[in-house]
């Protein structure tokens, strides 16, 4: 289980996370919702170690990860699909996928079958450059690259942003499959409320760097979440 306890994060004099807490457990999707600029992406950056926290604690399977470098967290199984995808445009699809080998021991450096069963288009485009793919195909490639790392925690930063509806459905099916596998904890940062409500098990709404609303699926009221996001 990934546990975030009262973390703080600042950029210079500006505090962007103010005592944020949440948990993510294998077999569940934790949705982080809120408007632009409320700290959602900063939260994910803190989780993977791209930004150091100034207070609180991040633990994974009871081990304190707060001071570990990004590559050390990746070796422990924390993987990020960043906003904007950040694939390598001049590398082929296969080469992009193989960049996910970096944190793995040599014996595990192969592309899992799940990548191609979830996103068959990638297998048919292995020799094409990443920059030649459509935005939706690049998003599938970014998720596939994260899955190559055999993640125990998968962080998704707005995977539906700017994506055509058909590929949003493909991504939704992939998340559902990964959740049902039961061995990956998924944190989904999203503004598309219907998508989040369809997939999520636990929900938090952020505002001004803080969690202002939280519920689980049993207490889910999409209209209330929408109202909280709009306030």
C-alpha atoms as a PDB file:
ATOM      1  CA  UNK A   1       0.000   0.000   0.000  1.00  0.00           C
ATOM      2  CA  UNK A   2       1.116   3.543  -0.790  1.00  0.00           C
ATOM      3  CA  UNK A   3       0.396   5.976   2.048  1.00  0.00           C
ATOM      4  CA  UNK A   4       0.822   9.746   1.903  1.00  0.00           C
ATOM      5  CA  UNK A   5       0.663  11.334   5.326  1.00  0.00           C
ATOM      6  CA  UNK A   6       0.280  15.097   5.715  1.00  0.00           C
ATOM      7  CA  UNK A   7       2.839  16.025   3.046  1.00  0.00           C
ATOM      8  CA  UNK A   8       3.941  19.573   2.319  1.00  0.00           C
ATOM      9  CA  UNK A   9       5.646  20.840  -0.819  1.00  0.00           C
ATOM     10  CA  UNK A  10       6.890  24.294  -1.761  1.00  0.00           C
ATOM     11  CA  UNK A  11       8.360  25.955  -4.837  1.00  0.00           C
ATOM     12  CA  UNK A  12      10.506  28.653  -3.303  1.00  0.00           C
ATOM     13  CA  UNK A  13       8.238  30.826  -1.163  1.00  0.00           C
ATOM     14  CA  UNK A  14       5.053  29.333  -2.655  1.00  0.00           C
ATOM     15  CA  UNK A  15       3.498  26.395  -0.790  1.00  0.00           C
ATOM     16  CA  UNK A  16       1.650  24.160  -3.269  1.00  0.00           C
ATOM     17  CA  UNK A  17       0.784  21.138  -1.087  1.00  0.00           C
ATOM     18  CA  UNK A  18      -0.581  21.732   2.401  1.00  0.00           C
ATOM     19  CA  UNK A  19      -0.946  18.628   4.524  1.00  0.00           C
ATOM     20  CA  UNK A  20      -2.189  16.242   1.814  1.00  0.00           C
ATOM     21  CA  UNK A  21      -2.977  12.671   2.890  1.00  0.00           C
ATOM     22  CA  UNK A  22      -4.292   9.697   0.917  1.00  0.00           C
ATOM     23  CA  UNK A  23      -3.795   5.975   0.470  1.00  0.00           C
ATOM     24  CA  UNK A  24      -3.646   3.802  -2.629  1.00  0.00           C
ATOM     25  CA  UNK A  25      -4.102   0.050  -2.318  1.00  0.00           C
ATOM     26  CA  UNK A  26      -3.586  -2.760  -4.849  1.00  0.00           C
ATOM     27  CA  UNK A  27      -6.690  -3.566  -6.835  1.00  0.00           C
ATOM     28  CA  UNK A  28      -8.188  -0.098  -6.381  1.00  0.00           C
ATOM     29  CA  UNK A  29      -8.219   3.209  -8.249  1.00  0.00           C
ATOM     30  CA  UNK A  30      -7.756   6.346  -6.157  1.00  0.00           C
ATOM     31  CA  UNK A  31      -9.004   9.387  -8.074  1.00  0.00           C
ATOM     32  CA  UNK A  32      -7.541  12.841  -7.435  1.00  0.00           C
ATOM     33  CA  UNK A  33      -9.827  15.554  -8.776  1.00  0.00           C
ATOM     34  CA  UNK A  34      -9.824  19.331  -8.920  1.00  0.00           C
ATOM     35  CA  UNK A  35      -9.421  22.330 -11.171  1.00  0.00           C
ATOM     36  CA  UNK A  36      -6.179  23.350 -12.875  1.00  0.00           C
ATOM     37  CA  UNK A  37      -3.538  24.703 -10.534  1.00  0.00           C
ATOM     38  CA  UNK A  38      -4.738  23.125  -7.274  1.00  0.00           C
ATOM     39  CA  UNK A  39      -1.682  20.882  -6.809  1.00  0.00           C
ATOM     40  CA  UNK A  40      -2.641  17.581  -8.462  1.00  0.00           C
ATOM     41  CA  UNK A  41       0.419  17.282 -10.702  1.00  0.00           C
ATOM     42  CA  UNK A  42       2.676  18.522  -7.887  1.00  0.00           C
ATOM     43  CA  UNK A  43       1.319  15.668  -5.769  1.00  0.00           C
ATOM     44  CA  UNK A  44       2.370  13.094  -8.363  1.00  0.00           C
ATOM     45  CA  UNK A  45       5.770  14.727  -8.743  1.00  0.00           C
ATOM     46  CA  UNK A  46       6.219  14.454  -4.996  1.00  0.00           C
ATOM     47  CA  UNK A  47       5.269  10.777  -5.076  1.00  0.00           C
ATOM     48  CA  UNK A  48       7.887   9.889  -7.712  1.00  0.00           C
ATOM     49  CA  UNK A  49      10.548  12.103  -6.137  1.00  0.00           C
ATOM     50  CA  UNK A  50      10.754  14.766  -8.832  1.00  0.00           C
ATOM     51  CA  UNK A  51      10.045  17.372  -6.153  1.00  0.00           C
ATOM     52  CA  UNK A  52      11.251  16.969  -2.546  1.00  0.00           C
ATOM     53  CA  UNK A  53       8.622  17.315   0.160  1.00  0.00           C
ATOM     54  CA  UNK A  54       9.213  19.722   3.028  1.00  0.00           C
ATOM     55  CA  UNK A  55       7.033  17.903   5.547  1.00  0.00           C
ATOM     56  CA  UNK A  56       5.034  14.739   6.118  1.00  0.00           C
ATOM     57  CA  UNK A  57       5.875  11.236   4.938  1.00  0.00           C
ATOM     58  CA  UNK A  58       5.455   8.947   1.934  1.00  0.00           C
ATOM     59  CA  UNK A  59       5.542   5.214   2.651  1.00  0.00           C
ATOM     60  CA  UNK A  60       5.156   2.198   0.396  1.00  0.00           C
ATOM     61  CA  UNK A  61       4.687  -1.261   1.908  1.00  0.00           C
ATOM     62  CA  UNK A  62       5.612   0.317   5.262  1.00  0.00           C
ATOM     63  CA  UNK A  63       8.967   1.601   3.934  1.00  0.00           C
ATOM     64  CA  UNK A  64       9.639   5.326   4.147  1.00  0.00           C
ATOM     65  CA  UNK A  65      10.184   6.583   0.578  1.00  0.00           C
ATOM     66  CA  UNK A  66      10.283  10.290   1.392  1.00  0.00           C
ATOM     67  CA  UNK A  67      14.013  10.781   0.837  1.00  0.00           C
ATOM     68  CA  UNK A  68      14.563   8.304  -2.007  1.00  0.00           C
ATOM     69  CA  UNK A  69      15.679   9.482  -5.450  1.00  0.00           C
ATOM     70  CA  UNK A  70      13.280   9.043  -8.422  1.00  0.00           C
ATOM     71  CA  UNK A  71      15.261   6.100  -9.832  1.00  0.00           C
ATOM     72  CA  UNK A  72      15.166   4.381  -6.423  1.00  0.00           C
ATOM     73  CA  UNK A  73      11.387   4.774  -6.243  1.00  0.00           C
ATOM     74  CA  UNK A  74      11.112   3.395  -9.781  1.00  0.00           C
ATOM     75  CA  UNK A  75      13.069   0.317  -8.674  1.00  0.00           C
ATOM     76  CA  UNK A  76      10.522  -0.158  -5.892  1.00  0.00           C
ATOM     77  CA  UNK A  77       7.740  -0.171  -8.483  1.00  0.00           C
ATOM     78  CA  UNK A  78       6.402   3.405  -8.589  1.00  0.00           C
ATOM     79  CA  UNK A  79       5.717   4.431 -12.184  1.00  0.00           C
ATOM     80  CA  UNK A  80       4.350   7.705 -13.613  1.00  0.00           C
ATOM     81  CA  UNK A  81       2.493   8.408 -16.852  1.00  0.00           C
ATOM     82  CA  UNK A  82       3.050  12.175 -17.010  1.00  0.00           C
ATOM     83  CA  UNK A  83       0.707  14.840 -18.284  1.00  0.00           C
ATOM     84  CA  UNK A  84       1.642  15.531 -21.892  1.00  0.00           C
ATOM     85  CA  UNK A  85       2.906  11.943 -22.309  1.00  0.00           C
ATOM     86  CA  UNK A  86       6.610  12.898 -22.705  1.00  0.00           C
ATOM     87  CA  UNK A  87       7.451  10.114 -25.123  1.00  0.00           C
ATOM     88  CA  UNK A  88      10.665  10.337 -27.159  1.00  0.00           C
ATOM     89  CA  UNK A  89       9.537  11.548 -30.615  1.00  0.00           C
ATOM     90  CA  UNK A  90      12.647  10.456 -32.534  1.00  0.00           C
ATOM     91  CA  UNK A  91      12.751   6.953 -31.030  1.00  0.00           C
ATOM     92  CA  UNK A  92      10.635   4.142 -32.435  1.00  0.00           C
ATOM     93  CA  UNK A  93       7.680   2.760 -30.521  1.00  0.00           C
ATOM     94  CA  UNK A  94       9.757  -0.279 -29.558  1.00  0.00           C
ATOM     95  CA  UNK A  95      12.653   1.899 -28.391  1.00  0.00           C
ATOM     96  CA  UNK A  96      10.267   4.029 -26.333  1.00  0.00           C
ATOM     97  CA  UNK A  97       8.897   0.913 -24.673  1.00  0.00           C
ATOM     98  CA  UNK A  98      12.405  -0.363 -23.986  1.00  0.00           C
ATOM     99  CA  UNK A  99      13.241   2.801 -22.029  1.00  0.00           C
ATOM    100  CA  UNK A 100      11.027   1.280 -19.341  1.00  0.00           C
ATOM    101  CA  UNK A 101      13.712  -1.386 -18.807  1.00  0.00           C
ATOM    102  CA  UNK A 102      15.958   1.035 -16.884  1.00  0.00           C
ATOM    103  CA  UNK A 103      14.842   0.146 -13.302  1.00  0.00           C
ATOM    104  CA  UNK A 104      14.483  -3.577 -14.002  1.00  0.00           C
ATOM    105  CA  UNK A 105      16.930  -6.411 -13.365  1.00  0.00           C
ATOM    106  CA  UNK A 106      18.309  -7.840 -16.612  1.00  0.00           C
ATOM    107  CA  UNK A 107      16.217 -11.026 -16.408  1.00  0.00           C
ATOM    108  CA  UNK A 108      12.990  -8.957 -16.561  1.00  0.00           C
ATOM    109  CA  UNK A 109      13.944  -6.774 -19.502  1.00  0.00           C
ATOM    110  CA  UNK A 110      11.216  -7.769 -21.921  1.00  0.00           C
ATOM    111  CA  UNK A 111       7.947  -6.182 -22.976  1.00  0.00           C
ATOM    112  CA  UNK A 112       5.024  -7.838 -21.144  1.00  0.00           C
ATOM    113  CA  UNK A 113       2.269  -9.375 -23.275  1.00  0.00           C
ATOM    114  CA  UNK A 114      -0.253  -7.172 -21.453  1.00  0.00           C
ATOM    115  CA  UNK A 115       1.095  -4.089 -23.227  1.00  0.00           C
ATOM    116  CA  UNK A 116       0.110  -5.423 -26.650  1.00  0.00           C
ATOM    117  CA  UNK A 117      -3.112  -7.083 -25.532  1.00  0.00           C
ATOM    118  CA  UNK A 118      -4.287  -3.780 -24.011  1.00  0.00           C
ATOM    119  CA  UNK A 119      -3.008  -1.605 -26.871  1.00  0.00           C
ATOM    120  CA  UNK A 120      -2.718  -3.741 -30.054  1.00  0.00           C
ATOM    121  CA  UNK A 121      -1.908  -0.691 -32.180  1.00  0.00           C
ATOM    122  CA  UNK A 122       1.505  -0.483 -30.528  1.00  0.00           C
ATOM    123  CA  UNK A 123       2.516  -3.917 -31.773  1.00  0.00           C
ATOM    124  CA  UNK A 124       1.609  -2.951 -35.347  1.00  0.00           C
ATOM    125  CA  UNK A 125       3.670   0.256 -35.080  1.00  0.00           C
ATOM    126  CA  UNK A 126       6.819  -0.992 -33.337  1.00  0.00           C
ATOM    127  CA  UNK A 127       9.084   0.398 -36.044  1.00  0.00           C
ATOM    128  CA  UNK A 128       7.442   3.817 -36.333  1.00  0.00           C
ATOM    129  CA  UNK A 129       8.819   6.882 -34.609  1.00  0.00           C
ATOM    130  CA  UNK A 130       6.912   8.024 -31.551  1.00  0.00           C
ATOM    131  CA  UNK A 131       6.502  11.514 -32.968  1.00  0.00           C
ATOM    132  CA  UNK A 132       4.590  10.120 -35.961  1.00  0.00           C
ATOM    133  CA  UNK A 133       1.822   8.688 -33.772  1.00  0.00           C
ATOM    134  CA  UNK A 134      -1.426  10.499 -33.059  1.00  0.00           C
ATOM    135  CA  UNK A 135      -1.946  12.049 -29.630  1.00  0.00           C
ATOM    136  CA  UNK A 136      -4.089   9.131 -28.529  1.00  0.00           C
ATOM    137  CA  UNK A 137      -1.559   6.582 -29.743  1.00  0.00           C
ATOM    138  CA  UNK A 138       1.200   8.455 -27.904  1.00  0.00           C
ATOM    139  CA  UNK A 139      -0.875   8.256 -24.728  1.00  0.00           C
ATOM    140  CA  UNK A 140      -1.212   4.498 -25.183  1.00  0.00           C
ATOM    141  CA  UNK A 141       2.555   4.340 -25.720  1.00  0.00           C
ATOM    142  CA  UNK A 142       3.194   6.310 -22.517  1.00  0.00           C
ATOM    143  CA  UNK A 143       0.993   3.922 -20.521  1.00  0.00           C
ATOM    144  CA  UNK A 144       2.630   0.928 -22.198  1.00  0.00           C
ATOM    145  CA  UNK A 145       6.074   2.257 -21.291  1.00  0.00           C
ATOM    146  CA  UNK A 146       4.982   2.547 -17.655  1.00  0.00           C
ATOM    147  CA  UNK A 147       3.664  -1.026 -17.698  1.00  0.00           C
ATOM    148  CA  UNK A 148       7.000  -2.301 -19.026  1.00  0.00           C
ATOM    149  CA  UNK A 149       8.424  -1.292 -15.610  1.00  0.00           C
ATOM    150  CA  UNK A 150       6.151  -3.880 -13.868  1.00  0.00           C
ATOM    151  CA  UNK A 151       4.722  -1.192 -11.569  1.00  0.00           C
ATOM    152  CA  UNK A 152       3.249  -1.859  -8.173  1.00  0.00           C
ATOM    153  CA  UNK A 153       1.935   1.713  -8.113  1.00  0.00           C
ATOM    154  CA  UNK A 154       0.779   3.346 -11.359  1.00  0.00           C
ATOM    155  CA  UNK A 155       0.330   7.121 -11.357  1.00  0.00           C
ATOM    156  CA  UNK A 156      -1.707   8.556 -14.244  1.00  0.00           C
ATOM    157  CA  UNK A 157      -1.737  12.326 -14.791  1.00  0.00           C
ATOM    158  CA  UNK A 158      -4.847  13.292 -16.800  1.00  0.00           C
ATOM    159  CA  UNK A 159      -4.617  10.456 -19.357  1.00  0.00           C
ATOM    160  CA  UNK A 160      -7.774  11.625 -21.185  1.00  0.00           C
ATOM    161  CA  UNK A 161      -6.554  15.172 -21.858  1.00  0.00           C
ATOM    162  CA  UNK A 162      -6.901  15.979 -25.565  1.00  0.00           C
ATOM    163  CA  UNK A 163      -7.697  12.359 -26.473  1.00  0.00           C
ATOM    164  CA  UNK A 164     -10.414  11.216 -28.889  1.00  0.00           C
ATOM    165  CA  UNK A 165     -13.384   9.349 -27.337  1.00  0.00           C
ATOM    166  CA  UNK A 166     -12.536   5.947 -28.835  1.00  0.00           C
ATOM    167  CA  UNK A 167      -9.090   5.923 -27.239  1.00  0.00           C
ATOM    168  CA  UNK A 168     -10.502   7.210 -23.934  1.00  0.00           C
ATOM    169  CA  UNK A 169     -12.596   4.035 -23.925  1.00  0.00           C
ATOM    170  CA  UNK A 170      -9.491   1.934 -24.634  1.00  0.00           C
ATOM    171  CA  UNK A 171      -7.664   3.602 -21.743  1.00  0.00           C
ATOM    172  CA  UNK A 172     -10.656   3.045 -19.471  1.00  0.00           C
ATOM    173  CA  UNK A 173     -10.728  -0.655 -20.357  1.00  0.00           C
ATOM    174  CA  UNK A 174      -6.990  -0.889 -19.667  1.00  0.00           C
ATOM    175  CA  UNK A 175      -7.369   0.701 -16.223  1.00  0.00           C
ATOM    176  CA  UNK A 176     -10.277  -1.622 -15.431  1.00  0.00           C
ATOM    177  CA  UNK A 177      -8.187  -4.651 -16.413  1.00  0.00           C
ATOM    178  CA  UNK A 178      -5.213  -3.498 -14.326  1.00  0.00           C
ATOM    179  CA  UNK A 179      -7.460  -2.896 -11.332  1.00  0.00           C
ATOM    180  CA  UNK A 180      -8.999  -6.362 -11.670  1.00  0.00           C
ATOM    181  CA  UNK A 181      -5.527  -7.923 -11.728  1.00  0.00           C
ATOM    182  CA  UNK A 182      -5.361  -6.898  -8.093  1.00  0.00           C
ATOM    183  CA  UNK A 183      -1.606  -6.352  -7.855  1.00  0.00           C
ATOM    184  CA  UNK A 184      -1.328  -2.670  -8.838  1.00  0.00           C
ATOM    185  CA  UNK A 185      -2.406   0.385  -6.867  1.00  0.00           C
ATOM    186  CA  UNK A 186      -3.590   3.075  -9.294  1.00  0.00           C
ATOM    187  CA  UNK A 187      -3.683   6.812  -8.635  1.00  0.00           C
ATOM    188  CA  UNK A 188      -5.653   8.633 -11.335  1.00  0.00           C
ATOM    189  CA  UNK A 189      -5.452  12.429 -11.594  1.00  0.00           C
ATOM    190  CA  UNK A 190      -8.361  13.530 -13.738  1.00  0.00           C
ATOM    191  CA  UNK A 191     -10.674  16.405 -14.623  1.00  0.00           C
ATOM    192  CA  UNK A 192     -13.062  14.323 -16.741  1.00  0.00           C
ATOM    193  CA  UNK A 193     -15.550  13.549 -13.970  1.00  0.00           C
ATOM    194  CA  UNK A 194     -17.564  10.846 -15.739  1.00  0.00           C
ATOM    195  CA  UNK A 195     -14.381   8.904 -16.530  1.00  0.00           C
ATOM    196  CA  UNK A 196     -13.186   9.136 -12.926  1.00  0.00           C
ATOM    197  CA  UNK A 197     -16.550   8.147 -11.454  1.00  0.00           C
ATOM    198  CA  UNK A 198     -16.777   5.122 -13.741  1.00  0.00           C
ATOM    199  CA  UNK A 199     -13.365   3.783 -12.716  1.00  0.00           C
ATOM    200  CA  UNK A 200     -12.672   5.038  -9.193  1.00  0.00           C
ATOM    201  CA  UNK A 201     -12.898   3.318  -5.835  1.00  0.00           C
ATOM    202  CA  UNK A 202     -11.792   6.243  -3.663  1.00  0.00           C
ATOM    203  CA  UNK A 203     -12.035   9.931  -4.455  1.00  0.00           C
ATOM    204  CA  UNK A 204     -10.456  13.136  -3.211  1.00  0.00           C
ATOM    205  CA  UNK A 205     -11.036  16.686  -4.421  1.00  0.00           C
ATOM    206  CA  UNK A 206      -8.177  19.154  -4.017  1.00  0.00           C
ATOM    207  CA  UNK A 207      -8.241  22.932  -3.767  1.00  0.00           C
ATOM    208  CA  UNK A 208      -5.354  25.314  -3.055  1.00  0.00           C
ATOM    209  CA  UNK A 209      -3.023  22.450  -2.279  1.00  0.00           C
ATOM    210  CA  UNK A 210      -5.321  20.785   0.252  1.00  0.00           C
ATOM    211  CA  UNK A 211      -7.819  17.930   0.279  1.00  0.00           C
ATOM    212  CA  UNK A 212     -11.213  19.547   0.778  1.00  0.00           C
ATOM    213  CA  UNK A 213     -13.479  16.549   0.079  1.00  0.00           C
ATOM    214  CA  UNK A 214     -13.080  12.767   0.178  1.00  0.00           C
ATOM    215  CA  UNK A 215     -15.343   9.744  -0.220  1.00  0.00           C
ATOM    216  CA  UNK A 216     -15.324   6.125  -1.350  1.00  0.00           C
ATOM    217  CA  UNK A 217     -17.440   4.456  -4.007  1.00  0.00           C
ATOM    218  CA  UNK A 218     -20.140   3.482  -1.490  1.00  0.00           C
ATOM    219  CA  UNK A 219     -20.726   7.168  -0.726  1.00  0.00           C
ATOM    220  CA  UNK A 220     -20.137   8.395  -4.281  1.00  0.00           C
ATOM    221  CA  UNK A 221     -22.384  11.260  -5.394  1.00  0.00           C
ATOM    222  CA  UNK A 222     -21.074  12.599  -8.741  1.00  0.00           C
ATOM    223  CA  UNK A 223     -23.140  15.765  -8.438  1.00  0.00           C
ATOM    224  CA  UNK A 224     -21.541  16.536  -5.066  1.00  0.00           C
ATOM    225  CA  UNK A 225     -18.048  15.912  -6.458  1.00  0.00           C
ATOM    226  CA  UNK A 226     -18.881  18.177  -9.405  1.00  0.00           C
ATOM    227  CA  UNK A 227     -20.061  20.849  -7.003  1.00  0.00           C
ATOM    228  CA  UNK A 228     -16.894  20.560  -4.932  1.00  0.00           C
ATOM    229  CA  UNK A 229     -14.754  20.853  -8.050  1.00  0.00           C
ATOM    230  CA  UNK A 230     -16.616  23.973  -9.136  1.00  0.00           C
ATOM    231  CA  UNK A 231     -16.390  25.809  -5.799  1.00  0.00           C
END
